[in-house]
N, C-alpha and C. Protein backbone atom coordinates (compact mmCIF):
# COMPACT_ATOMS: atom_id res chain seq x y z
N MET A 1 -17.19 -36.95 23.81
CA MET A 1 -17.66 -36.14 22.70
C MET A 1 -17.44 -34.66 22.97
N ARG A 2 -17.73 -34.23 24.22
CA ARG A 2 -17.56 -32.83 24.57
C ARG A 2 -16.09 -32.44 24.52
N LYS A 3 -15.22 -33.36 24.93
CA LYS A 3 -13.79 -33.07 24.90
C LYS A 3 -13.31 -32.85 23.47
N LYS A 4 -13.81 -33.63 22.53
CA LYS A 4 -13.43 -33.49 21.13
C LYS A 4 -13.88 -32.14 20.58
N ILE A 5 -15.09 -31.75 20.90
CA ILE A 5 -15.61 -30.46 20.45
C ILE A 5 -14.80 -29.32 21.05
N LEU A 6 -14.47 -29.43 22.32
CA LEU A 6 -13.69 -28.41 23.00
C LEU A 6 -12.29 -28.31 22.39
N VAL A 7 -11.66 -29.44 22.11
CA VAL A 7 -10.33 -29.43 21.50
C VAL A 7 -10.39 -28.83 20.11
N LEU A 8 -11.38 -29.18 19.32
CA LEU A 8 -11.53 -28.62 17.98
C LEU A 8 -11.77 -27.11 18.03
N ALA A 9 -12.59 -26.67 18.98
CA ALA A 9 -12.85 -25.24 19.12
C ALA A 9 -11.58 -24.49 19.50
N LEU A 10 -10.80 -25.03 20.42
CA LEU A 10 -9.54 -24.40 20.80
C LEU A 10 -8.55 -24.38 19.64
N LEU A 11 -8.52 -25.44 18.88
CA LEU A 11 -7.64 -25.50 17.72
C LEU A 11 -8.04 -24.45 16.69
N LEU A 12 -9.32 -24.31 16.46
CA LEU A 12 -9.82 -23.31 15.51
C LEU A 12 -9.50 -21.90 15.98
N LEU A 13 -9.68 -21.62 17.25
CA LEU A 13 -9.36 -20.30 17.79
C LEU A 13 -7.86 -20.00 17.67
N THR A 14 -7.04 -20.99 17.89
CA THR A 14 -5.59 -20.82 17.76
C THR A 14 -5.21 -20.50 16.33
N ILE A 15 -5.79 -21.19 15.39
CA ILE A 15 -5.52 -20.95 13.97
C ILE A 15 -5.97 -19.55 13.58
N LEU A 16 -7.13 -19.12 14.04
CA LEU A 16 -7.62 -17.78 13.73
C LEU A 16 -6.72 -16.71 14.34
N GLU A 17 -6.21 -16.95 15.53
CA GLU A 17 -5.33 -15.98 16.18
C GLU A 17 -4.01 -15.87 15.41
N ILE A 18 -3.48 -16.97 14.97
CA ILE A 18 -2.23 -16.95 14.20
C ILE A 18 -2.41 -16.21 12.88
N SER A 19 -3.52 -16.45 12.19
CA SER A 19 -3.75 -15.76 10.92
C SER A 19 -3.97 -14.26 11.15
N ALA A 20 -4.58 -13.89 12.26
CA ALA A 20 -4.76 -12.46 12.57
C ALA A 20 -3.42 -11.80 12.85
N GLN A 21 -2.51 -12.50 13.51
CA GLN A 21 -1.19 -11.96 13.77
C GLN A 21 -0.42 -11.77 12.46
N GLN A 22 -0.55 -12.69 11.52
CA GLN A 22 0.12 -12.56 10.24
C GLN A 22 -0.40 -11.34 9.49
N ARG A 23 -1.68 -11.10 9.54
CA ARG A 23 -2.24 -9.93 8.89
C ARG A 23 -1.68 -8.66 9.50
N SER A 24 -1.54 -8.65 10.82
CA SER A 24 -1.02 -7.44 11.44
C SER A 24 0.44 -7.22 11.07
N ILE A 25 1.20 -8.28 10.88
CA ILE A 25 2.58 -8.14 10.44
C ILE A 25 2.62 -7.56 9.04
N ILE A 26 1.80 -8.08 8.16
CA ILE A 26 1.72 -7.56 6.80
C ILE A 26 1.25 -6.12 6.82
N GLU A 27 0.28 -5.83 7.64
CA GLU A 27 -0.25 -4.47 7.77
C GLU A 27 0.86 -3.51 8.21
N ASN A 28 1.65 -3.92 9.19
CA ASN A 28 2.75 -3.08 9.67
C ASN A 28 3.79 -2.83 8.59
N VAL A 29 4.10 -3.85 7.82
CA VAL A 29 5.06 -3.70 6.73
C VAL A 29 4.52 -2.73 5.68
N LEU A 30 3.25 -2.85 5.34
CA LEU A 30 2.65 -1.94 4.36
C LEU A 30 2.65 -0.50 4.87
N VAL A 31 2.30 -0.31 6.12
CA VAL A 31 2.26 1.04 6.70
C VAL A 31 3.66 1.65 6.68
N ASN A 32 4.66 0.88 7.09
CA ASN A 32 6.04 1.39 7.09
C ASN A 32 6.51 1.72 5.68
N SER A 33 6.16 0.88 4.73
CA SER A 33 6.55 1.11 3.34
C SER A 33 5.93 2.40 2.81
N VAL A 34 4.65 2.59 3.07
CA VAL A 34 3.95 3.79 2.61
C VAL A 34 4.52 5.03 3.28
N GLU A 35 4.78 4.94 4.57
CA GLU A 35 5.34 6.09 5.30
C GLU A 35 6.68 6.51 4.71
N GLU A 36 7.52 5.54 4.45
CA GLU A 36 8.84 5.83 3.89
C GLU A 36 8.73 6.41 2.48
N LYS A 37 7.86 5.84 1.68
CA LYS A 37 7.70 6.30 0.30
C LYS A 37 7.19 7.74 0.25
N VAL A 38 6.15 8.03 1.01
CA VAL A 38 5.56 9.36 0.98
C VAL A 38 6.52 10.40 1.57
N SER A 39 7.23 10.02 2.60
CA SER A 39 8.20 10.96 3.19
C SER A 39 9.30 11.31 2.20
N SER A 40 9.83 10.30 1.51
CA SER A 40 10.88 10.59 0.53
C SER A 40 10.34 11.40 -0.65
N MET A 41 9.14 11.11 -1.07
CA MET A 41 8.52 11.88 -2.16
C MET A 41 8.26 13.32 -1.73
N GLN A 42 7.87 13.51 -0.47
CA GLN A 42 7.60 14.85 0.03
C GLN A 42 8.88 15.68 0.04
N LYS A 43 9.99 15.07 0.39
CA LYS A 43 11.27 15.78 0.36
C LYS A 43 11.67 16.15 -1.06
N LEU A 44 11.43 15.24 -2.00
CA LEU A 44 11.83 15.49 -3.39
C LEU A 44 10.91 16.47 -4.10
N ILE A 45 9.61 16.31 -3.91
CA ILE A 45 8.64 17.09 -4.67
C ILE A 45 8.22 18.35 -3.92
N GLY A 46 8.05 18.27 -2.63
CA GLY A 46 7.73 19.45 -1.84
C GLY A 46 6.24 19.72 -1.67
N PHE A 47 5.41 18.70 -1.57
CA PHE A 47 4.00 18.95 -1.28
C PHE A 47 3.81 19.09 0.23
N ASP A 48 2.65 19.65 0.63
CA ASP A 48 2.44 19.96 2.04
C ASP A 48 2.01 18.73 2.85
N ASP A 49 1.89 18.92 4.16
CA ASP A 49 1.59 17.81 5.06
C ASP A 49 0.18 17.26 4.87
N ALA A 50 -0.78 18.11 4.53
CA ALA A 50 -2.15 17.64 4.29
C ALA A 50 -2.19 16.72 3.07
N GLN A 51 -1.48 17.11 2.02
CA GLN A 51 -1.40 16.25 0.84
C GLN A 51 -0.68 14.95 1.18
N ALA A 52 0.36 15.04 1.99
CA ALA A 52 1.11 13.85 2.37
C ALA A 52 0.23 12.87 3.12
N GLN A 53 -0.60 13.37 4.02
CA GLN A 53 -1.51 12.49 4.77
C GLN A 53 -2.51 11.82 3.84
N GLN A 54 -3.06 12.58 2.89
CA GLN A 54 -3.99 11.98 1.92
C GLN A 54 -3.28 10.94 1.06
N LEU A 55 -2.05 11.22 0.67
CA LEU A 55 -1.29 10.26 -0.13
C LEU A 55 -1.01 8.98 0.64
N ARG A 56 -0.71 9.12 1.92
CA ARG A 56 -0.48 7.93 2.75
C ARG A 56 -1.72 7.04 2.74
N GLN A 57 -2.88 7.65 2.88
CA GLN A 57 -4.12 6.88 2.92
C GLN A 57 -4.38 6.20 1.57
N VAL A 58 -4.18 6.93 0.47
CA VAL A 58 -4.42 6.37 -0.86
C VAL A 58 -3.45 5.22 -1.13
N GLU A 59 -2.18 5.43 -0.82
CA GLU A 59 -1.18 4.40 -1.08
C GLU A 59 -1.41 3.16 -0.21
N LEU A 60 -1.78 3.36 1.05
CA LEU A 60 -2.05 2.23 1.93
C LEU A 60 -3.26 1.44 1.45
N ASN A 61 -4.32 2.13 1.07
CA ASN A 61 -5.50 1.44 0.54
C ASN A 61 -5.15 0.66 -0.72
N PHE A 62 -4.34 1.27 -1.58
CA PHE A 62 -3.92 0.60 -2.81
C PHE A 62 -3.14 -0.68 -2.51
N LEU A 63 -2.18 -0.60 -1.60
CA LEU A 63 -1.37 -1.78 -1.28
C LEU A 63 -2.20 -2.87 -0.61
N GLN A 64 -3.14 -2.48 0.23
CA GLN A 64 -4.00 -3.47 0.86
C GLN A 64 -4.88 -4.18 -0.17
N GLU A 65 -5.42 -3.42 -1.11
CA GLU A 65 -6.25 -4.02 -2.15
C GLU A 65 -5.43 -4.92 -3.08
N VAL A 66 -4.20 -4.51 -3.39
CA VAL A 66 -3.32 -5.35 -4.22
C VAL A 66 -3.00 -6.63 -3.47
N ASN A 67 -2.77 -6.54 -2.18
CA ASN A 67 -2.51 -7.73 -1.37
C ASN A 67 -3.70 -8.68 -1.41
N LYS A 68 -4.90 -8.13 -1.31
CA LYS A 68 -6.11 -8.96 -1.39
C LYS A 68 -6.22 -9.61 -2.77
N ALA A 69 -5.92 -8.84 -3.81
CA ALA A 69 -6.02 -9.37 -5.17
C ALA A 69 -5.01 -10.48 -5.40
N GLU A 70 -3.82 -10.34 -4.85
CA GLU A 70 -2.79 -11.36 -5.01
C GLU A 70 -3.18 -12.66 -4.31
N ARG A 71 -3.90 -12.56 -3.22
CA ARG A 71 -4.30 -13.76 -2.48
C ARG A 71 -5.60 -14.36 -3.00
N CYS A 72 -6.27 -13.68 -3.92
CA CYS A 72 -7.54 -14.17 -4.46
C CYS A 72 -7.28 -15.37 -5.36
N PHE A 73 -8.01 -16.44 -5.15
CA PHE A 73 -7.76 -17.68 -5.87
C PHE A 73 -8.40 -17.68 -7.26
N LEU A 74 -9.63 -17.27 -7.37
CA LEU A 74 -10.36 -17.35 -8.63
C LEU A 74 -10.41 -16.04 -9.40
N CYS A 75 -9.75 -15.02 -8.91
CA CYS A 75 -9.81 -13.70 -9.56
C CYS A 75 -8.83 -13.61 -10.72
N ASN A 76 -9.14 -12.70 -11.63
CA ASN A 76 -8.19 -12.34 -12.68
C ASN A 76 -7.30 -11.26 -12.08
N LYS A 77 -6.13 -11.67 -11.58
CA LYS A 77 -5.28 -10.77 -10.79
C LYS A 77 -4.78 -9.59 -11.61
N GLN A 78 -4.36 -9.84 -12.83
CA GLN A 78 -3.81 -8.77 -13.66
C GLN A 78 -4.85 -7.69 -13.93
N LYS A 79 -6.04 -8.11 -14.27
CA LYS A 79 -7.11 -7.16 -14.58
C LYS A 79 -7.50 -6.35 -13.34
N ARG A 80 -7.59 -7.03 -12.21
CA ARG A 80 -7.97 -6.36 -10.98
C ARG A 80 -6.90 -5.35 -10.54
N ILE A 81 -5.64 -5.73 -10.65
CA ILE A 81 -4.56 -4.83 -10.26
C ILE A 81 -4.49 -3.64 -11.22
N LYS A 82 -4.76 -3.88 -12.49
CA LYS A 82 -4.77 -2.78 -13.46
C LYS A 82 -5.86 -1.76 -13.10
N LYS A 83 -7.03 -2.23 -12.73
CA LYS A 83 -8.10 -1.34 -12.30
C LYS A 83 -7.74 -0.58 -11.03
N LEU A 84 -7.08 -1.27 -10.11
CA LEU A 84 -6.64 -0.61 -8.88
C LEU A 84 -5.62 0.49 -9.17
N LYS A 85 -4.72 0.25 -10.11
CA LYS A 85 -3.72 1.26 -10.49
C LYS A 85 -4.40 2.48 -11.10
N GLN A 86 -5.39 2.24 -11.95
CA GLN A 86 -6.11 3.35 -12.57
C GLN A 86 -6.85 4.16 -11.51
N LYS A 87 -7.48 3.48 -10.57
CA LYS A 87 -8.19 4.17 -9.49
C LYS A 87 -7.23 5.00 -8.66
N ARG A 88 -6.07 4.43 -8.34
CA ARG A 88 -5.06 5.14 -7.56
C ARG A 88 -4.55 6.37 -8.30
N ASP A 89 -4.33 6.23 -9.61
CA ASP A 89 -3.86 7.37 -10.40
C ASP A 89 -4.86 8.52 -10.41
N THR A 90 -6.13 8.20 -10.54
CA THR A 90 -7.14 9.27 -10.52
C THR A 90 -7.19 9.96 -9.15
N GLU A 91 -7.05 9.18 -8.08
CA GLU A 91 -7.05 9.77 -6.75
C GLU A 91 -5.81 10.63 -6.52
N LEU A 92 -4.66 10.17 -7.04
CA LEU A 92 -3.43 10.96 -6.92
C LEU A 92 -3.56 12.28 -7.66
N GLN A 93 -4.20 12.25 -8.82
CA GLN A 93 -4.38 13.47 -9.60
C GLN A 93 -5.30 14.46 -8.89
N LYS A 94 -6.25 13.95 -8.11
CA LYS A 94 -7.13 14.83 -7.35
C LYS A 94 -6.39 15.49 -6.19
N ILE A 95 -5.45 14.77 -5.60
CA ILE A 95 -4.73 15.28 -4.42
C ILE A 95 -3.61 16.23 -4.82
N LEU A 96 -2.81 15.84 -5.79
CA LEU A 96 -1.63 16.61 -6.17
C LEU A 96 -1.93 17.59 -7.30
N GLU A 97 -1.14 18.66 -7.35
CA GLU A 97 -1.22 19.56 -8.49
C GLU A 97 -0.61 18.85 -9.69
N ARG A 98 -0.85 19.41 -10.87
CA ARG A 98 -0.42 18.75 -12.10
C ARG A 98 1.08 18.50 -12.13
N ASP A 99 1.89 19.50 -11.85
CA ASP A 99 3.33 19.32 -11.90
C ASP A 99 3.82 18.38 -10.80
N GLN A 100 3.18 18.42 -9.63
CA GLN A 100 3.54 17.49 -8.56
C GLN A 100 3.22 16.05 -8.96
N TYR A 101 2.05 15.86 -9.58
CA TYR A 101 1.67 14.52 -10.02
C TYR A 101 2.64 13.99 -11.07
N ILE A 102 3.03 14.83 -12.01
CA ILE A 102 3.96 14.40 -13.06
C ILE A 102 5.29 13.97 -12.44
N LYS A 103 5.80 14.74 -11.49
CA LYS A 103 7.04 14.37 -10.82
C LYS A 103 6.87 13.08 -10.02
N TYR A 104 5.77 12.97 -9.30
CA TYR A 104 5.49 11.78 -8.49
C TYR A 104 5.46 10.54 -9.37
N ASP A 105 4.73 10.64 -10.47
CA ASP A 105 4.60 9.52 -11.40
C ASP A 105 5.94 9.16 -12.04
N ALA A 106 6.70 10.17 -12.43
CA ALA A 106 7.99 9.93 -13.07
C ALA A 106 8.97 9.26 -12.11
N ILE A 107 9.00 9.70 -10.87
CA ILE A 107 9.90 9.10 -9.89
C ILE A 107 9.46 7.68 -9.57
N GLU A 108 8.16 7.49 -9.41
CA GLU A 108 7.64 6.17 -9.06
C GLU A 108 7.90 5.14 -10.16
N ASN A 109 7.75 5.55 -11.40
CA ASN A 109 7.94 4.64 -12.53
C ASN A 109 9.37 4.64 -13.06
N GLU A 110 10.27 5.25 -12.29
CA GLU A 110 11.70 5.27 -12.56
C GLU A 110 12.05 5.89 -13.90
N ARG A 111 11.29 6.91 -14.29
CA ARG A 111 11.65 7.69 -15.47
C ARG A 111 12.64 8.78 -15.10
N ILE A 112 12.65 9.13 -13.82
CA ILE A 112 13.63 10.07 -13.26
C ILE A 112 14.34 9.32 -12.14
N GLN A 113 15.65 9.35 -12.16
CA GLN A 113 16.40 8.68 -11.12
C GLN A 113 16.61 9.62 -9.94
N LYS A 114 16.52 9.05 -8.75
CA LYS A 114 16.70 9.83 -7.53
C LYS A 114 18.18 9.85 -7.19
N ARG A 115 18.88 10.84 -7.71
CA ARG A 115 20.29 11.01 -7.43
C ARG A 115 20.51 12.41 -6.86
N PRO A 116 21.45 12.52 -5.95
CA PRO A 116 21.73 13.88 -5.44
C PRO A 116 22.39 14.73 -6.51
N LEU A 117 22.12 16.03 -6.45
CA LEU A 117 22.71 16.96 -7.41
C LEU A 117 24.15 17.27 -7.00
N TRP A 118 25.00 17.40 -7.99
CA TRP A 118 26.39 17.74 -7.72
C TRP A 118 26.52 19.26 -7.70
N ALA A 119 27.08 19.76 -6.65
CA ALA A 119 27.29 21.20 -6.53
C ALA A 119 28.77 21.51 -6.74
N ASN A 120 29.05 22.57 -7.51
CA ASN A 120 30.44 22.96 -7.74
C ASN A 120 30.83 24.08 -6.83
């Protein structure tokens, strides 16, 4: 009986360790994605490093919450993600100046294409 309990406990710990590793992989992908996005936006728009750090935090929190919403079984995913987008937009407006926010939003929603300028 003790052997069965010990084997089950070890199996459970192994499963928990594997799921924790998967979360860290997802976490790393999200962090890298946010870092790349904010860096490219900073080059295009020209906001300062303090704003960039705040944007990284807002974007990372947003992606983590969207990931949680996508994995939620009984949740209304569309409604929850819509609320998360609205929350993120208000936070972005607090961090960025008006013209910076408009550019950020336009680039993100592909209303402005990121193409290099041609110089003559």
